[in-house]
């Protein structure tokens, strides 16, 4: 996952201490003017390289090849991507400024006496420290962003993906667990305490991803907070097919009318994605048979008995209509 291996970002104090202590050791290994030159070069290189590495470790948010829109939207839901990009830009400026200070002072240390060279080197050190301290807030924000984003779930946005939605207790998680090899595999989003259910299955030798979204697509848009709404927008980039599961018996605790309103809101938001309405609990059909006309369900099934579960899965695969890219053949 693109954010998983981001290194810890040092604080300004840690970076200054590291560079100056290494510089002191470098100076102790030499004498006179050479010692002062070595100290300046060591401190400047460590600061500049470390700051540059902070920036280059991150993907470029401007390019889709670096950050898929799914992950971009998720990242922006958790951290302010514009603020993060600005912080990275400031840190890169500090890296370049450090090199400029080194280039400015190094000639002053060559043709002078040792005491004057030591004076110039101390001036350069003070300016280096000042530059690093100027980006302390940026370094802290970058590290906070790294800590938040590295916990994003391991979802492959390039795999064909089926997203399961609907109110709680309608059978979403049971369906995901029933049709996938990964039983109860979950990953936690920072913006929902319930985590998401994630599983995989193979159909005609192709691997599919199926996602359950508790805390996001189990209530009307008006009840979602800003972060959750943006997370739903991210899922728009991920979903190749939506299964909206409803419990016509209302034993889930939500009236059928409310469930269908949620279904309609999902259809409106995911207008470019095929959406199938799945009526669960055919084993309880006697309770809701008189509501078939209101349902307008595409399929009926029962997780409890297994009736039509494979039929629903095959319909979802057909709706995805995924064709893998084949290698070029001359």
Protein backbone atom coordinates (compact mmCIF):
# COMPACT_ATOMS: atom_id res chain seq x y z
CA UNK A 1 0.00 0.00 0.00
CA UNK A 2 1.39 3.39 -1.00
CA UNK A 3 1.40 4.92 2.50
CA UNK A 4 2.41 1.83 4.46
CA UNK A 5 6.19 2.19 4.21
CA UNK A 6 6.51 5.93 4.75
CA UNK A 7 9.42 6.57 7.14
CA UNK A 8 9.06 8.45 10.41
CA UNK A 9 9.63 12.18 9.93
CA UNK A 10 12.18 13.68 12.35
CA UNK A 11 11.35 16.76 14.38
CA UNK A 12 13.44 19.88 13.86
CA UNK A 13 15.18 19.31 17.20
CA UNK A 14 16.05 15.72 16.33
CA UNK A 15 17.44 16.72 12.95
CA UNK A 16 19.53 19.58 14.35
CA UNK A 17 20.96 17.37 17.13
CA UNK A 18 21.76 14.60 14.66
CA UNK A 19 23.49 16.87 12.15
CA UNK A 20 25.53 18.86 14.65
CA UNK A 21 26.66 15.82 16.65
CA UNK A 22 27.80 14.09 13.45
CA UNK A 23 29.52 17.31 12.41
CA UNK A 24 31.37 17.46 15.72
CA UNK A 25 32.67 13.92 15.22
CA UNK A 26 33.74 14.78 11.68
CA UNK A 27 35.59 17.85 12.98
CA UNK A 28 37.38 15.89 15.67
CA UNK A 29 38.88 13.63 13.02
CA UNK A 30 40.65 16.58 11.34
CA UNK A 31 42.49 19.78 12.24
CA UNK A 32 42.49 23.50 11.48
CA UNK A 33 40.62 24.80 8.46
CA UNK A 34 39.96 21.28 7.23
CA UNK A 35 38.09 20.49 10.46
CA UNK A 36 35.81 23.53 10.09
CA UNK A 37 35.11 22.72 6.45
CA UNK A 38 34.32 19.10 7.28
CA UNK A 39 31.94 20.12 10.08
CA UNK A 40 30.00 22.49 7.83
CA UNK A 41 29.80 20.03 4.97
CA UNK A 42 28.67 17.18 7.24
CA UNK A 43 25.95 19.22 8.98
CA UNK A 44 24.63 20.73 5.75
CA UNK A 45 24.57 17.37 3.94
CA UNK A 46 22.74 15.59 6.74
CA UNK A 47 20.12 18.32 7.06
CA UNK A 48 19.60 18.72 3.32
CA UNK A 49 19.52 14.99 2.58
CA UNK A 50 17.15 14.20 5.44
CA UNK A 51 14.75 16.97 4.48
CA UNK A 52 14.80 15.94 0.84
CA UNK A 53 14.19 12.30 1.82
CA UNK A 54 11.14 13.34 3.82
CA UNK A 55 9.63 14.80 0.64
CA UNK A 56 10.66 12.15 -1.89
CA UNK A 57 9.34 9.32 0.31
CA UNK A 58 5.81 10.58 -0.40
CA UNK A 59 3.96 9.85 -3.64
CA UNK A 60 3.18 12.79 -5.89
CA UNK A 61 -0.47 13.64 -5.29
CA UNK A 62 -0.67 15.49 -8.60
CA UNK A 63 -0.28 12.34 -10.68
CA UNK A 64 -2.79 9.48 -10.89
CA UNK A 65 0.07 7.07 -11.60
CA UNK A 66 1.40 7.79 -8.11
CA UNK A 67 -1.90 8.04 -6.20
CA UNK A 68 -5.07 6.33 -7.42
CA UNK A 69 -8.15 8.59 -7.06
CA UNK A 70 -9.55 6.13 -4.50
CA UNK A 71 -6.55 6.63 -2.21
CA UNK A 72 -6.39 10.35 -2.96
CA UNK A 73 -9.98 10.80 -1.77
CA UNK A 74 -9.35 8.67 1.31
CA UNK A 75 -6.19 10.58 2.13
CA UNK A 76 -7.99 13.88 1.76
CA UNK A 77 -10.77 12.60 4.03
CA UNK A 78 -8.26 11.92 6.79
CA UNK A 79 -5.66 14.64 6.31
CA UNK A 80 -5.79 17.89 4.38
CA UNK A 81 -3.94 16.92 1.20
CA UNK A 82 -3.47 20.55 0.16
CA UNK A 83 -1.97 21.32 3.56
CA UNK A 84 0.22 18.22 3.33
CA UNK A 85 1.47 19.20 -0.13
CA UNK A 86 2.25 22.69 1.13
CA UNK A 87 4.19 21.25 4.07
CA UNK A 88 6.17 19.01 1.73
CA UNK A 89 6.92 22.01 -0.47
CA UNK A 90 8.16 24.02 2.52
CA UNK A 91 10.42 21.17 3.60
CA UNK A 92 11.90 20.90 0.11
CA UNK A 93 12.55 24.65 0.20
CA UNK A 94 14.42 24.16 3.48
CA UNK A 95 16.50 21.40 1.92
CA UNK A 96 17.53 23.66 -0.98
CA UNK A 97 18.17 26.60 1.37
CA UNK A 98 20.49 24.43 3.43
CA UNK A 99 22.61 23.69 0.37
CA UNK A 100 22.71 27.38 -0.50
CA UNK A 101 24.03 28.23 2.97
CA UNK A 102 26.71 25.57 2.59
CA UNK A 103 27.73 26.96 -0.81
CA UNK A 104 27.80 30.49 0.60
CA UNK A 105 30.00 29.74 3.62
CA UNK A 106 32.32 27.02 2.38
CA UNK A 107 34.53 29.43 0.36
CA UNK A 108 34.92 31.62 3.45
CA UNK A 109 36.53 28.73 5.32
CA UNK A 110 39.27 28.09 2.77
CA UNK A 111 41.53 31.14 2.74
CA UNK A 112 41.49 32.44 6.29
CA UNK A 113 42.83 31.61 9.73
CA UNK A 114 41.32 28.91 11.91
CA UNK A 115 39.68 31.30 14.40
CA UNK A 116 37.91 33.24 11.63
CA UNK A 117 36.90 30.00 9.95
CA UNK A 118 35.44 28.77 13.24
CA UNK A 119 33.48 32.03 13.53
CA UNK A 120 32.05 31.63 9.99
CA UNK A 121 31.21 27.98 10.64
CA UNK A 122 29.28 28.91 13.80
CA UNK A 123 27.37 31.56 11.86
CA UNK A 124 26.51 28.97 9.22
CA UNK A 125 25.37 26.52 11.93
CA UNK A 126 23.07 29.16 13.41
CA UNK A 127 21.50 29.80 10.03
CA UNK A 128 21.12 26.09 9.34
CA UNK A 129 19.36 25.61 12.67
CA UNK A 130 17.10 28.56 11.94
CA UNK A 131 16.06 27.10 8.58
CA UNK A 132 15.19 23.74 10.15
CA UNK A 133 13.26 25.39 12.98
CA UNK A 134 11.22 27.36 10.44
CA UNK A 135 9.76 24.11 9.10
CA UNK A 136 9.17 22.47 12.47
CA UNK A 137 5.37 22.73 12.16
CA UNK A 138 5.56 21.26 8.65
CA UNK A 139 7.65 18.32 9.84
CA UNK A 140 5.18 17.64 12.64
CA UNK A 141 2.21 17.76 10.24
CA UNK A 142 3.92 15.46 7.75
CA UNK A 143 4.64 12.91 10.48
CA UNK A 144 1.08 13.12 11.80
CA UNK A 145 -0.23 12.57 8.27
CA UNK A 146 2.08 9.60 7.87
CA UNK A 147 0.82 8.05 11.10
CA UNK A 148 -2.82 8.53 10.06
CA UNK A 149 -2.50 7.32 6.48
CA UNK A 150 -0.37 4.24 7.10
CA UNK A 151 -3.41 2.63 8.80
CA UNK A 152 -5.52 2.70 5.65
CA UNK A 153 -6.78 -0.74 4.65
CA UNK A 154 -4.97 -2.85 2.10
CA UNK A 155 -7.39 -2.50 -0.80
CA UNK A 156 -6.23 -2.89 -4.37
CA UNK A 157 -8.07 -0.27 -6.45
CA UNK A 158 -6.99 -2.04 -9.64
CA UNK A 159 -8.86 -5.26 -8.82
CA UNK A 160 -12.49 -5.62 -9.91
CA UNK A 161 -14.48 -4.68 -6.82
CA UNK A 162 -17.98 -5.36 -5.57
CA UNK A 163 -19.19 -3.09 -2.75
CA UNK A 164 -21.97 -4.29 -0.45
CA UNK A 165 -24.19 -1.63 1.12
CA UNK A 166 -27.35 -1.45 3.21
CA UNK A 167 -28.56 -0.89 6.75
CA UNK A 168 -27.01 -2.82 9.67
CA UNK A 169 -28.14 -6.40 10.30
CA UNK A 170 -29.51 -6.98 6.79
CA UNK A 171 -26.89 -9.67 6.09
CA UNK A 172 -24.04 -7.74 4.44
CA UNK A 173 -21.20 -9.15 6.51
CA UNK A 174 -22.64 -12.66 6.42
CA UNK A 175 -22.80 -12.45 2.62
CA UNK A 176 -19.22 -11.21 2.33
CA UNK A 177 -17.98 -13.95 4.64
CA UNK A 178 -20.02 -16.60 2.85
CA UNK A 179 -18.71 -15.91 -0.64
CA UNK A 180 -15.06 -15.13 0.12
CA UNK A 181 -12.07 -17.17 1.13
CA UNK A 182 -11.15 -14.69 3.84
CA UNK A 183 -13.56 -15.16 6.74
CA UNK A 184 -14.03 -11.98 8.73
CA UNK A 185 -10.93 -10.28 7.34
CA UNK A 186 -11.23 -6.64 8.36
CA UNK A 187 -9.29 -3.43 8.07
CA UNK A 188 -9.94 -0.30 10.08
CA UNK A 189 -10.57 3.10 8.57
CA UNK A 190 -9.56 6.00 10.82
CA UNK A 191 -12.99 7.53 10.27
CA UNK A 192 -15.18 4.64 11.38
CA UNK A 193 -14.86 2.51 14.50
CA UNK A 194 -16.51 -0.50 12.87
CA UNK A 195 -13.82 -1.17 10.26
CA UNK A 196 -14.64 -2.57 6.83
CA UNK A 197 -15.10 -6.14 5.78
CA UNK A 198 -12.78 -7.16 2.98
CA UNK A 199 -12.70 -10.46 1.19
CA UNK A 200 -11.64 -12.03 -2.11
CA UNK A 201 -12.96 -14.75 -4.35
CA UNK A 202 -12.07 -16.20 -7.74
CA UNK A 203 -14.40 -16.56 -10.70
CA UNK A 204 -13.16 -18.16 -13.90
CA UNK A 205 -9.58 -17.70 -12.67
CA UNK A 206 -10.03 -13.97 -12.08
CA UNK A 207 -9.64 -12.52 -8.59
CA UNK A 208 -12.40 -10.24 -7.31
CA UNK A 209 -12.51 -8.00 -4.28
CA UNK A 210 -15.67 -7.63 -2.19
CA UNK A 211 -16.07 -4.91 0.41
CA UNK A 212 -18.56 -4.41 3.22
CA UNK A 213 -18.81 -0.79 4.39
CA UNK A 214 -20.28 -0.49 7.90
CA UNK A 215 -20.21 3.05 9.21
CA UNK A 216 -20.29 4.53 5.70
CA UNK A 217 -23.04 3.18 3.47
CA UNK A 218 -25.42 1.98 6.16
CA UNK A 219 -27.26 5.24 6.77
CA UNK A 220 -28.64 8.18 4.75
CA UNK A 221 -26.23 10.83 3.42
CA UNK A 222 -27.68 13.47 5.75
CA UNK A 223 -26.49 11.46 8.76
CA UNK A 224 -22.88 11.12 7.59
CA UNK A 225 -20.23 13.50 8.83
CA UNK A 226 -17.95 15.33 6.41
CA UNK A 227 -15.16 12.79 6.60
CA UNK A 228 -17.52 9.87 6.06
CA UNK A 229 -19.13 11.60 3.08
CA UNK A 230 -15.72 12.06 1.48
CA UNK A 231 -14.89 8.43 2.18
CA UNK A 232 -18.05 7.44 0.31
CA UNK A 233 -16.83 9.60 -2.58
CA UNK A 234 -13.60 7.61 -2.51
CA UNK A 235 -15.55 4.38 -2.84
CA UNK A 236 -17.07 5.76 -6.05
CA UNK A 237 -13.60 5.36 -7.56
CA UNK A 238 -13.36 1.80 -6.22
CA UNK A 239 -16.76 0.22 -6.92
CA UNK A 240 -17.36 -1.66 -10.16
CA UNK A 241 -20.71 -2.93 -8.87
CA UNK A 242 -22.90 -2.12 -5.86
CA UNK A 243 -25.05 -4.67 -4.06
CA UNK A 244 -27.64 -2.92 -1.89
CA UNK A 245 -28.99 -5.48 0.52
CA UNK A 246 -32.41 -5.04 2.10
CA UNK A 247 -34.31 -7.02 4.71
CA UNK A 248 -37.99 -6.88 3.65
CA UNK A 249 -39.03 -8.48 6.94
CA UNK A 250 -37.68 -5.40 8.78
CA UNK A 251 -36.29 -7.77 11.43
CA UNK A 252 -33.04 -5.85 11.06
CA UNK A 253 -34.68 -3.03 13.03
CA UNK A 254 -35.25 -0.65 10.11
CA UNK A 255 -38.53 -0.30 8.18
CA UNK A 256 -38.47 -1.32 4.55
CA UNK A 257 -39.35 2.22 3.42
CA UNK A 258 -36.19 3.58 5.08
CA UNK A 259 -34.08 0.83 3.54
CA UNK A 260 -35.41 1.64 0.08
CA UNK A 261 -34.75 5.35 0.61
CA UNK A 262 -31.14 4.48 1.40
CA UNK A 263 -31.05 2.31 -1.73
CA UNK A 264 -32.33 5.19 -3.85
CA UNK A 265 -29.74 7.59 -2.41
CA UNK A 266 -26.97 5.11 -3.23
CA UNK A 267 -28.24 4.72 -6.79
CA UNK A 268 -28.27 8.52 -7.15
CA UNK A 269 -24.70 8.87 -5.86
CA UNK A 270 -23.23 5.91 -7.73
CA UNK A 271 -24.94 6.79 -10.99
CA UNK A 272 -22.11 5.43 -13.17
CA UNK A 273 -21.93 2.11 -11.26
CA UNK A 274 -24.37 -0.78 -11.74
CA UNK A 275 -26.48 -1.15 -8.58
CA UNK A 276 -28.37 -4.36 -7.78
CA UNK A 277 -31.05 -4.54 -5.10
CA UNK A 278 -30.85 -7.80 -3.18
CA UNK A 279 -33.74 -8.90 -0.96
CA UNK A 280 -32.32 -11.14 1.75
CA UNK A 281 -34.17 -13.65 3.97
CA UNK A 282 -36.24 -15.59 1.45
CA UNK A 283 -36.50 -18.13 4.28
CA UNK A 284 -38.83 -15.56 5.85
CA UNK A 285 -40.72 -14.79 2.65
CA UNK A 286 -44.09 -15.38 4.28
CA UNK A 287 -43.46 -12.25 6.37
CA UNK A 288 -42.86 -9.94 3.44
CA UNK A 289 -44.37 -11.57 0.35
CA UNK A 290 -47.02 -8.85 0.13
CA UNK A 291 -44.28 -6.19 -0.31
CA UNK A 292 -42.69 -7.64 -3.44
CA UNK A 293 -44.09 -4.88 -5.63
CA UNK A 294 -42.58 -2.14 -3.45
CA UNK A 295 -39.22 -3.90 -3.33
CA UNK A 296 -38.36 -3.83 -7.02
CA UNK A 297 -35.59 -6.26 -6.10
CA UNK A 298 -33.24 -7.58 -8.76
CA UNK A 299 -32.67 -10.79 -6.82
CA UNK A 300 -33.94 -12.59 -3.75
CA UNK A 301 -31.78 -14.84 -1.61
CA UNK A 302 -31.24 -16.28 1.85
CA UNK A 303 -27.87 -16.23 3.56
CA UNK A 304 -29.37 -18.54 6.18
CA UNK A 305 -30.22 -21.34 3.73
CA UNK A 306 -27.82 -20.45 0.90
CA UNK A 307 -30.68 -20.02 -1.57
CA UNK A 308 -29.57 -18.00 -4.63
CA UNK A 309 -26.35 -16.77 -2.97
CA UNK A 310 -24.23 -18.03 -5.86
CA UNK A 311 -26.76 -16.59 -8.33
CA UNK A 312 -26.36 -13.14 -6.74
CA UNK A 313 -22.57 -13.43 -6.82
CA UNK A 314 -22.59 -14.42 -10.50
CA UNK A 315 -24.92 -11.51 -11.28
CA UNK A 316 -22.50 -9.14 -9.56
CA UNK A 317 -19.59 -10.54 -11.56
CA UNK A 318 -21.57 -10.13 -14.76
CA UNK A 319 -22.42 -6.52 -13.81
CA UNK A 320 -18.75 -5.78 -13.18
CA UNK A 321 -18.00 -7.01 -16.72
CA UNK A 322 -14.27 -7.09 -16.04
CA UNK A 323 -11.88 -7.91 -18.84
CA UNK A 324 -8.22 -8.16 -17.85
CA UNK A 325 -5.64 -6.42 -19.97
CA UNK A 326 -3.78 -8.97 -22.03
CA UNK A 327 -0.08 -8.64 -22.79
CA UNK A 328 0.69 -7.37 -26.27
CA UNK A 329 1.18 -10.09 -28.80
CA UNK A 330 3.01 -9.28 -31.98
